[in-house]
Amino acid sequence: MTQKGQHSSLILQSLRKALPATWKSASWLLRLMIPISLGVTLLQYFGVLELFAKVLHPVFVHIGLPGASSLAFISGAAAGTYAGIAAMMSMPLSLRQATIIALMIALCHALPMECAVNRKTGSSFWKMGLIRIVMAFLSAALLNLLLPEMQQSYVYLGVDTQCSWSEMLLTWALSQLKMAAMVFAIIYTLMVLQRLLEAYDLMKPISDFLSPLMKIFGLPRNAAYMWLVGNVIGISYGSAVMLELEEQGKITREEANEANYHLIMNHSLLEDTIVFAVTGISALILITVRISFAILLVWSRKALKASLRTLKSNATV
């Protein structure tokens, strides 16, 4: 077979192999997203969201958000990015508000599951969770200060609260068809990309190329592959790979812990950015803030540890 034929074969295999995985992942995600979307829609239709807004408005107003948007943040933190997006699209939000919530969800999505993975790879479950929540609100406050006014509206697949019960359900059902098509397209694209990287054995060369970048991030050079896995397929999906790196002795538990401090701020960068960008959120804002916060967290931790060592050394003199 010619080289051109081999490339064509690998691409076709990647396209074909991605379909079953896409169907499985998309089905699982939609089983999660659709009930959340329906729940938020019903809460909005019956006026319950207004009660949430009144109770939480005093807290969320300081980060430029209505109180009801807390449902999107909680959904994302508890169940993942797609659950948060489903809730976001079920309530009327400005693009500015949606950008702030998107960043909070990107920093805090699937919190229980991912913190459990962090624990397996050498970090504290509670410390990782607390840092992510605190950083989510700090980043939201920062964006609220820096973002200009945006007149555009975010994608809204909710319903008119003045319409009839049957009209509400029909409008919601049609919106879910649109959401399902979007989810399938996004997941399929990501699955094909992942299989192409595997087919051409690109993960290792790319991680080697990125090794010098680890110095800027404050991470050990051999954490490059772990960093790449965390950003391409995420903490949850990449946990098996990360644990294998530890078991093979390619990265120590302490080095994995150091990498986790970066990854809790900056993981699933490929998927999260694509998913939010498709719905209108600025990819540049998400990437810039997440990487900046990751670098800030890692180097601040290093500075604190160095200061404590100096104090301890002085105390023993």
Protein backbone atom coordinates (compact mmCIF):
# COMPACT_ATOMS: atom_id res chain seq x y z
CA MET A 1 0.00 0.00 0.00
CA THR A 2 1.30 3.47 -0.89
CA GLN A 3 1.98 6.08 1.80
CA LYS A 4 -1.03 8.05 0.58
CA GLY A 5 -3.16 4.92 0.81
CA GLN A 6 -1.95 4.25 4.36
CA HIS A 7 -2.87 7.78 5.43
CA SER A 8 -6.31 7.43 3.85
CA SER A 9 -6.80 4.09 5.57
CA LEU A 10 -5.82 5.48 8.99
CA ILE A 11 -8.15 8.44 8.57
CA LEU A 12 -11.05 6.21 7.48
CA GLN A 13 -10.41 3.84 10.38
CA SER A 14 -10.38 6.77 12.80
CA LEU A 15 -13.65 8.08 11.36
CA ARG A 16 -15.23 4.63 11.60
CA LYS A 17 -13.91 3.73 15.06
CA ALA A 18 -15.07 7.07 16.46
CA LEU A 19 -18.74 6.34 15.69
CA PRO A 20 -19.47 3.65 18.34
CA ALA A 21 -17.61 5.60 21.02
CA THR A 22 -19.41 8.78 20.00
CA TRP A 23 -22.80 7.08 20.17
CA LYS A 24 -22.00 5.65 23.61
CA SER A 25 -20.68 8.96 25.01
CA ALA A 26 -23.36 11.13 23.41
CA SER A 27 -26.13 8.81 24.65
CA TRP A 28 -24.75 8.95 28.17
CA LEU A 29 -24.36 12.72 28.08
CA LEU A 30 -27.85 13.29 26.68
CA ARG A 31 -29.36 11.05 29.35
CA LEU A 32 -27.72 13.43 31.80
CA MET A 33 -28.40 16.71 29.97
CA ILE A 34 -32.02 16.25 28.91
CA PRO A 35 -33.45 15.68 32.42
CA ILE A 36 -31.45 18.65 33.72
CA SER A 37 -32.70 20.81 30.87
CA LEU A 38 -36.30 19.72 31.52
CA GLY A 39 -35.89 20.32 35.25
CA VAL A 40 -34.55 23.84 34.74
CA THR A 41 -37.26 24.56 32.15
CA LEU A 42 -39.99 23.46 34.56
CA LEU A 43 -38.45 25.45 37.41
CA GLN A 44 -38.43 28.50 35.17
CA TYR A 45 -41.98 27.91 33.87
CA PHE A 46 -43.41 27.62 37.39
CA GLY A 47 -41.46 30.59 38.72
CA VAL A 48 -39.13 28.62 41.03
CA LEU A 49 -36.04 30.13 39.38
CA GLU A 50 -37.25 33.54 40.49
CA LEU A 51 -37.10 32.33 44.10
CA PHE A 52 -33.54 31.05 43.59
CA ALA A 53 -32.65 34.39 42.05
CA LYS A 54 -33.97 36.35 45.02
CA VAL A 55 -32.18 34.18 47.59
CA LEU A 56 -28.80 33.99 45.82
CA HIS A 57 -28.79 37.37 44.11
CA PRO A 58 -26.91 39.11 46.99
CA VAL A 59 -24.00 36.65 46.50
CA PHE A 60 -23.94 36.33 42.72
CA VAL A 61 -24.51 40.04 42.04
CA HIS A 62 -20.89 40.66 43.11
CA ILE A 63 -19.68 38.53 40.20
CA GLY A 64 -22.11 40.01 37.68
CA LEU A 65 -24.59 37.14 37.66
CA PRO A 66 -28.28 36.69 38.50
CA GLY A 67 -28.99 34.39 41.44
CA ALA A 68 -30.76 31.85 39.22
CA SER A 69 -27.51 31.22 37.34
CA SER A 70 -26.30 29.35 40.41
CA LEU A 71 -28.27 26.37 39.06
CA ALA A 72 -26.01 26.23 36.01
CA PHE A 73 -22.88 26.42 38.18
CA ILE A 74 -24.15 23.75 40.60
CA SER A 75 -25.19 21.47 37.70
CA GLY A 76 -21.78 21.81 36.08
CA ALA A 77 -19.88 21.33 39.34
CA ALA A 78 -21.91 18.26 40.27
CA ALA A 79 -22.38 16.51 36.93
CA GLY A 80 -19.99 18.04 34.39
CA THR A 81 -19.62 20.62 31.63
CA TYR A 82 -22.50 19.38 29.51
CA ALA A 83 -24.90 19.43 32.43
CA GLY A 84 -23.88 23.03 33.14
CA ILE A 85 -24.38 24.01 29.50
CA ALA A 86 -27.79 22.36 29.46
CA ALA A 87 -28.81 24.50 32.44
CA MET A 88 -27.25 27.64 30.91
CA MET A 89 -29.17 27.24 27.68
CA SER A 90 -32.40 26.74 29.59
CA MET A 91 -32.35 30.24 31.08
CA PRO A 92 -32.10 33.68 29.45
CA LEU A 93 -28.55 34.98 29.86
CA SER A 94 -26.49 37.69 28.24
CA LEU A 95 -23.26 36.62 26.53
CA ARG A 96 -21.34 38.44 29.27
CA GLN A 97 -23.11 36.47 32.02
CA ALA A 98 -22.70 33.22 30.10
CA THR A 99 -18.96 33.86 29.70
CA ILE A 100 -18.53 34.27 33.45
CA ILE A 101 -20.55 31.12 34.24
CA ALA A 102 -18.71 29.17 31.52
CA LEU A 103 -15.37 29.97 33.14
CA MET A 104 -16.68 28.95 36.57
CA ILE A 105 -17.95 25.64 35.15
CA ALA A 106 -14.67 25.07 33.27
CA LEU A 107 -12.81 25.38 36.58
CA CYS A 108 -15.28 23.37 38.66
CA HIS A 109 -16.96 20.81 36.40
CA ALA A 110 -17.51 17.24 37.64
CA LEU A 111 -15.97 18.23 40.97
CA PRO A 112 -16.66 15.06 43.03
CA MET A 113 -15.48 12.65 40.32
CA GLU A 114 -12.37 14.60 39.34
CA CYS A 115 -11.32 15.28 42.94
CA ALA A 116 -11.54 11.52 43.52
CA VAL A 117 -9.20 11.01 40.55
CA ASN A 118 -6.82 13.65 41.95
CA ARG A 119 -6.79 11.69 45.22
CA LYS A 120 -5.77 8.50 43.38
CA THR A 121 -2.87 10.31 41.74
CA GLY A 122 -1.50 11.76 44.98
CA SER A 123 -3.51 14.86 45.94
CA SER A 124 -5.99 15.72 48.68
CA PHE A 125 -9.66 15.35 47.66
CA TRP A 126 -10.84 18.23 49.85
CA LYS A 127 -7.94 20.56 49.10
CA MET A 128 -8.39 20.14 45.34
CA GLY A 129 -12.12 20.79 45.61
CA LEU A 130 -11.77 23.84 47.84
CA ILE A 131 -9.10 25.42 45.63
CA ARG A 132 -11.23 24.95 42.51
CA ILE A 133 -14.32 26.51 44.09
CA VAL A 134 -12.38 29.48 45.48
CA MET A 135 -10.60 30.04 42.16
CA ALA A 136 -13.90 29.80 40.26
CA PHE A 137 -15.37 32.68 42.26
CA LEU A 138 -12.12 34.69 42.08
CA SER A 139 -11.99 34.29 38.30
CA ALA A 140 -15.66 35.24 38.03
CA ALA A 141 -15.03 38.39 40.07
CA LEU A 142 -12.04 39.21 37.85
CA LEU A 143 -14.04 38.77 34.65
CA ASN A 144 -16.84 40.89 36.08
CA LEU A 145 -14.32 43.71 36.54
CA LEU A 146 -12.62 43.35 33.16
CA LEU A 147 -15.29 42.26 30.69
CA PRO A 148 -16.98 45.05 28.71
CA GLU A 149 -20.73 45.19 28.36
CA MET A 150 -22.03 42.69 25.79
CA GLN A 151 -25.37 43.31 24.17
CA GLN A 152 -25.58 39.86 22.57
CA SER A 153 -27.71 37.14 24.13
CA TYR A 154 -26.42 33.66 24.85
CA VAL A 155 -27.98 30.60 23.19
CA TYR A 156 -31.44 30.26 24.71
CA LEU A 157 -33.37 27.00 24.33
CA GLY A 158 -35.83 27.74 27.12
CA VAL A 159 -39.50 28.51 26.81
CA ASP A 160 -41.81 31.46 27.16
CA THR A 161 -43.30 31.35 30.63
CA GLN A 162 -46.51 32.90 29.25
CA CYS A 163 -47.20 30.06 26.80
CA SER A 164 -49.47 27.10 27.46
CA TRP A 165 -48.31 23.84 29.02
CA SER A 166 -48.42 21.97 25.69
CA GLU A 167 -46.60 24.78 23.84
CA MET A 168 -43.93 24.78 26.50
CA LEU A 169 -43.31 21.04 26.18
CA LEU A 170 -43.25 21.21 22.35
CA THR A 171 -40.79 24.12 22.36
CA TRP A 172 -38.59 22.30 24.86
CA ALA A 173 -38.68 19.02 22.85
CA LEU A 174 -37.61 20.81 19.65
CA SER A 175 -34.79 22.55 21.50
CA GLN A 176 -33.51 19.19 22.74
CA LEU A 177 -33.27 17.89 19.18
CA LYS A 178 -31.02 20.85 18.36
CA MET A 179 -28.95 20.22 21.47
CA ALA A 180 -28.63 16.48 20.69
CA ALA A 181 -27.34 17.23 17.17
CA MET A 182 -24.81 19.70 18.57
CA VAL A 183 -23.60 17.28 21.26
CA PHE A 184 -23.18 14.44 18.73
CA ALA A 185 -21.21 16.66 16.34
CA ILE A 186 -18.89 17.92 19.07
CA ILE A 187 -18.24 14.49 20.59
CA TYR A 188 -17.63 12.90 17.19
CA THR A 189 -15.08 15.58 16.28
CA LEU A 190 -13.23 15.05 19.57
CA MET A 191 -13.31 11.26 19.24
CA VAL A 192 -11.92 11.38 15.69
CA LEU A 193 -9.15 13.74 16.81
CA GLN A 194 -8.23 11.46 19.71
CA ARG A 195 -8.06 8.40 17.43
CA LEU A 196 -5.96 10.23 14.86
CA LEU A 197 -3.48 11.17 17.59
CA GLU A 198 -3.35 7.53 18.65
CA ALA A 199 -3.14 6.18 15.07
CA TYR A 200 -0.17 8.38 14.23
CA ASP A 201 1.45 7.93 17.69
CA LEU A 202 1.52 11.68 18.16
CA MET A 203 0.86 11.92 21.89
CA LYS A 204 4.45 11.07 22.89
CA PRO A 205 6.22 13.34 20.33
CA ILE A 206 3.87 16.21 21.19
CA SER A 207 4.52 15.77 24.92
CA ASP A 208 8.30 15.72 24.27
CA PHE A 209 7.95 18.93 22.27
CA LEU A 210 6.01 20.50 25.14
CA SER A 211 8.56 19.49 27.81
CA PRO A 212 10.35 22.91 27.83
CA LEU A 213 6.97 24.57 28.39
CA MET A 214 6.68 22.73 31.70
CA LYS A 215 9.39 25.01 33.14
CA ILE A 216 7.15 28.05 32.54
CA PHE A 217 4.26 26.22 34.16
CA GLY A 218 6.43 25.37 37.18
CA LEU A 219 6.15 21.63 36.52
CA PRO A 220 8.80 18.90 36.13
CA ARG A 221 9.76 18.18 32.48
CA ASN A 222 8.56 14.58 32.72
CA ALA A 223 5.06 15.82 33.60
CA ALA A 224 4.57 16.87 29.95
CA TYR A 225 2.78 13.67 28.93
CA MET A 226 0.52 13.79 31.99
CA TRP A 227 -0.23 17.46 31.21
CA LEU A 228 -1.05 16.61 27.59
CA VAL A 229 -3.33 13.74 28.57
CA GLY A 230 -5.14 15.94 31.09
CA ASN A 231 -5.70 18.66 28.51
CA VAL A 232 -6.62 16.48 25.54
CA ILE A 233 -8.87 13.88 27.17
CA GLY A 234 -9.36 15.35 30.64
CA ILE A 235 -8.70 14.30 34.23
CA SER A 236 -11.53 11.75 34.40
CA TYR A 237 -10.87 10.07 31.05
CA GLY A 238 -7.10 10.34 31.44
CA SER A 239 -6.94 8.99 34.99
CA ALA A 240 -5.97 5.50 33.81
CA VAL A 241 -3.08 6.93 31.81
CA MET A 242 -1.94 9.09 34.72
CA LEU A 243 -1.99 6.15 37.14
CA GLU A 244 -0.08 4.02 34.65
CA LEU A 245 2.65 6.69 34.44
CA GLU A 246 3.04 6.50 38.21
CA GLU A 247 3.09 2.69 38.23
CA GLN A 248 5.73 2.62 35.48
CA GLY A 249 7.89 5.04 37.46
CA LYS A 250 7.81 7.67 34.71
CA ILE A 251 6.52 10.21 37.21
CA THR A 252 6.68 10.20 41.02
CA ARG A 253 3.67 10.67 43.27
CA GLU A 254 4.97 14.10 44.34
CA GLU A 255 5.43 15.13 40.71
CA ALA A 256 1.90 13.92 39.94
CA ASN A 257 0.66 16.00 42.87
CA GLU A 258 2.46 19.06 41.47
CA ALA A 259 0.92 18.47 38.05
CA ASN A 260 -2.52 18.19 39.65
CA TYR A 261 -2.26 21.74 41.00
CA HIS A 262 -1.89 22.94 37.43
CA LEU A 263 -4.46 20.56 35.95
CA ILE A 264 -7.26 21.45 38.35
CA MET A 265 -7.19 24.93 36.81
CA ASN A 266 -6.35 23.90 33.29
CA HIS A 267 -7.61 20.50 32.14
CA SER A 268 -9.91 19.30 29.34
CA LEU A 269 -8.73 22.47 27.63
CA LEU A 270 -9.42 21.09 24.16
CA GLU A 271 -12.93 19.75 24.83
CA ASP A 272 -14.16 22.51 27.15
CA THR A 273 -12.95 25.27 24.84
CA ILE A 274 -14.53 23.71 21.75
CA VAL A 275 -17.83 23.00 23.49
CA PHE A 276 -18.20 26.50 24.91
CA ALA A 277 -16.88 28.19 21.74
CA VAL A 278 -19.56 26.42 19.68
CA THR A 279 -22.18 28.08 21.88
CA GLY A 280 -20.62 31.53 21.45
CA ILE A 281 -18.20 31.85 24.41
CA SER A 282 -14.80 33.38 23.64
CA ALA A 283 -12.13 30.66 23.40
CA LEU A 284 -9.41 33.26 23.98
CA ILE A 285 -10.89 34.35 27.31
CA LEU A 286 -11.31 30.77 28.56
CA ILE A 287 -7.80 29.67 27.58
CA THR A 288 -6.03 32.82 28.78
CA VAL A 289 -7.68 32.94 32.20
CA ARG A 290 -7.37 29.21 32.88
CA ILE A 291 -3.69 29.00 31.94
CA SER A 292 -2.92 32.20 33.88
CA PHE A 293 -4.65 30.91 37.02
CA ALA A 294 -2.89 27.55 36.68
CA ILE A 295 0.55 29.22 36.47
CA LEU A 296 -0.33 31.56 39.35
CA LEU A 297 -1.46 28.67 41.57
CA VAL A 298 1.59 26.48 40.93
CA TRP A 299 4.19 29.24 41.39
CA SER A 300 2.40 30.65 44.46
CA ARG A 301 2.48 27.19 46.01
CA LYS A 302 6.20 26.88 45.21
CA ALA A 303 6.90 30.31 46.75
CA LEU A 304 4.92 29.41 49.87
CA LYS A 305 6.78 26.09 50.28
CA ALA A 306 10.13 27.87 49.83
CA SER A 307 9.18 30.48 52.44
CA LEU A 308 8.13 27.80 54.92
CA ARG A 309 11.41 25.93 54.39
CA THR A 310 13.36 29.14 54.99
CA LEU A 311 11.43 29.88 58.20
CA LYS A 312 11.91 26.33 59.39
CA SER A 313 15.64 26.51 58.59
CA ASN A 314 16.03 29.84 60.45
CA ALA A 315 14.12 28.49 63.41
CA THR A 316 16.52 25.57 63.81
CA VAL A 317 19.67 27.75 63.59
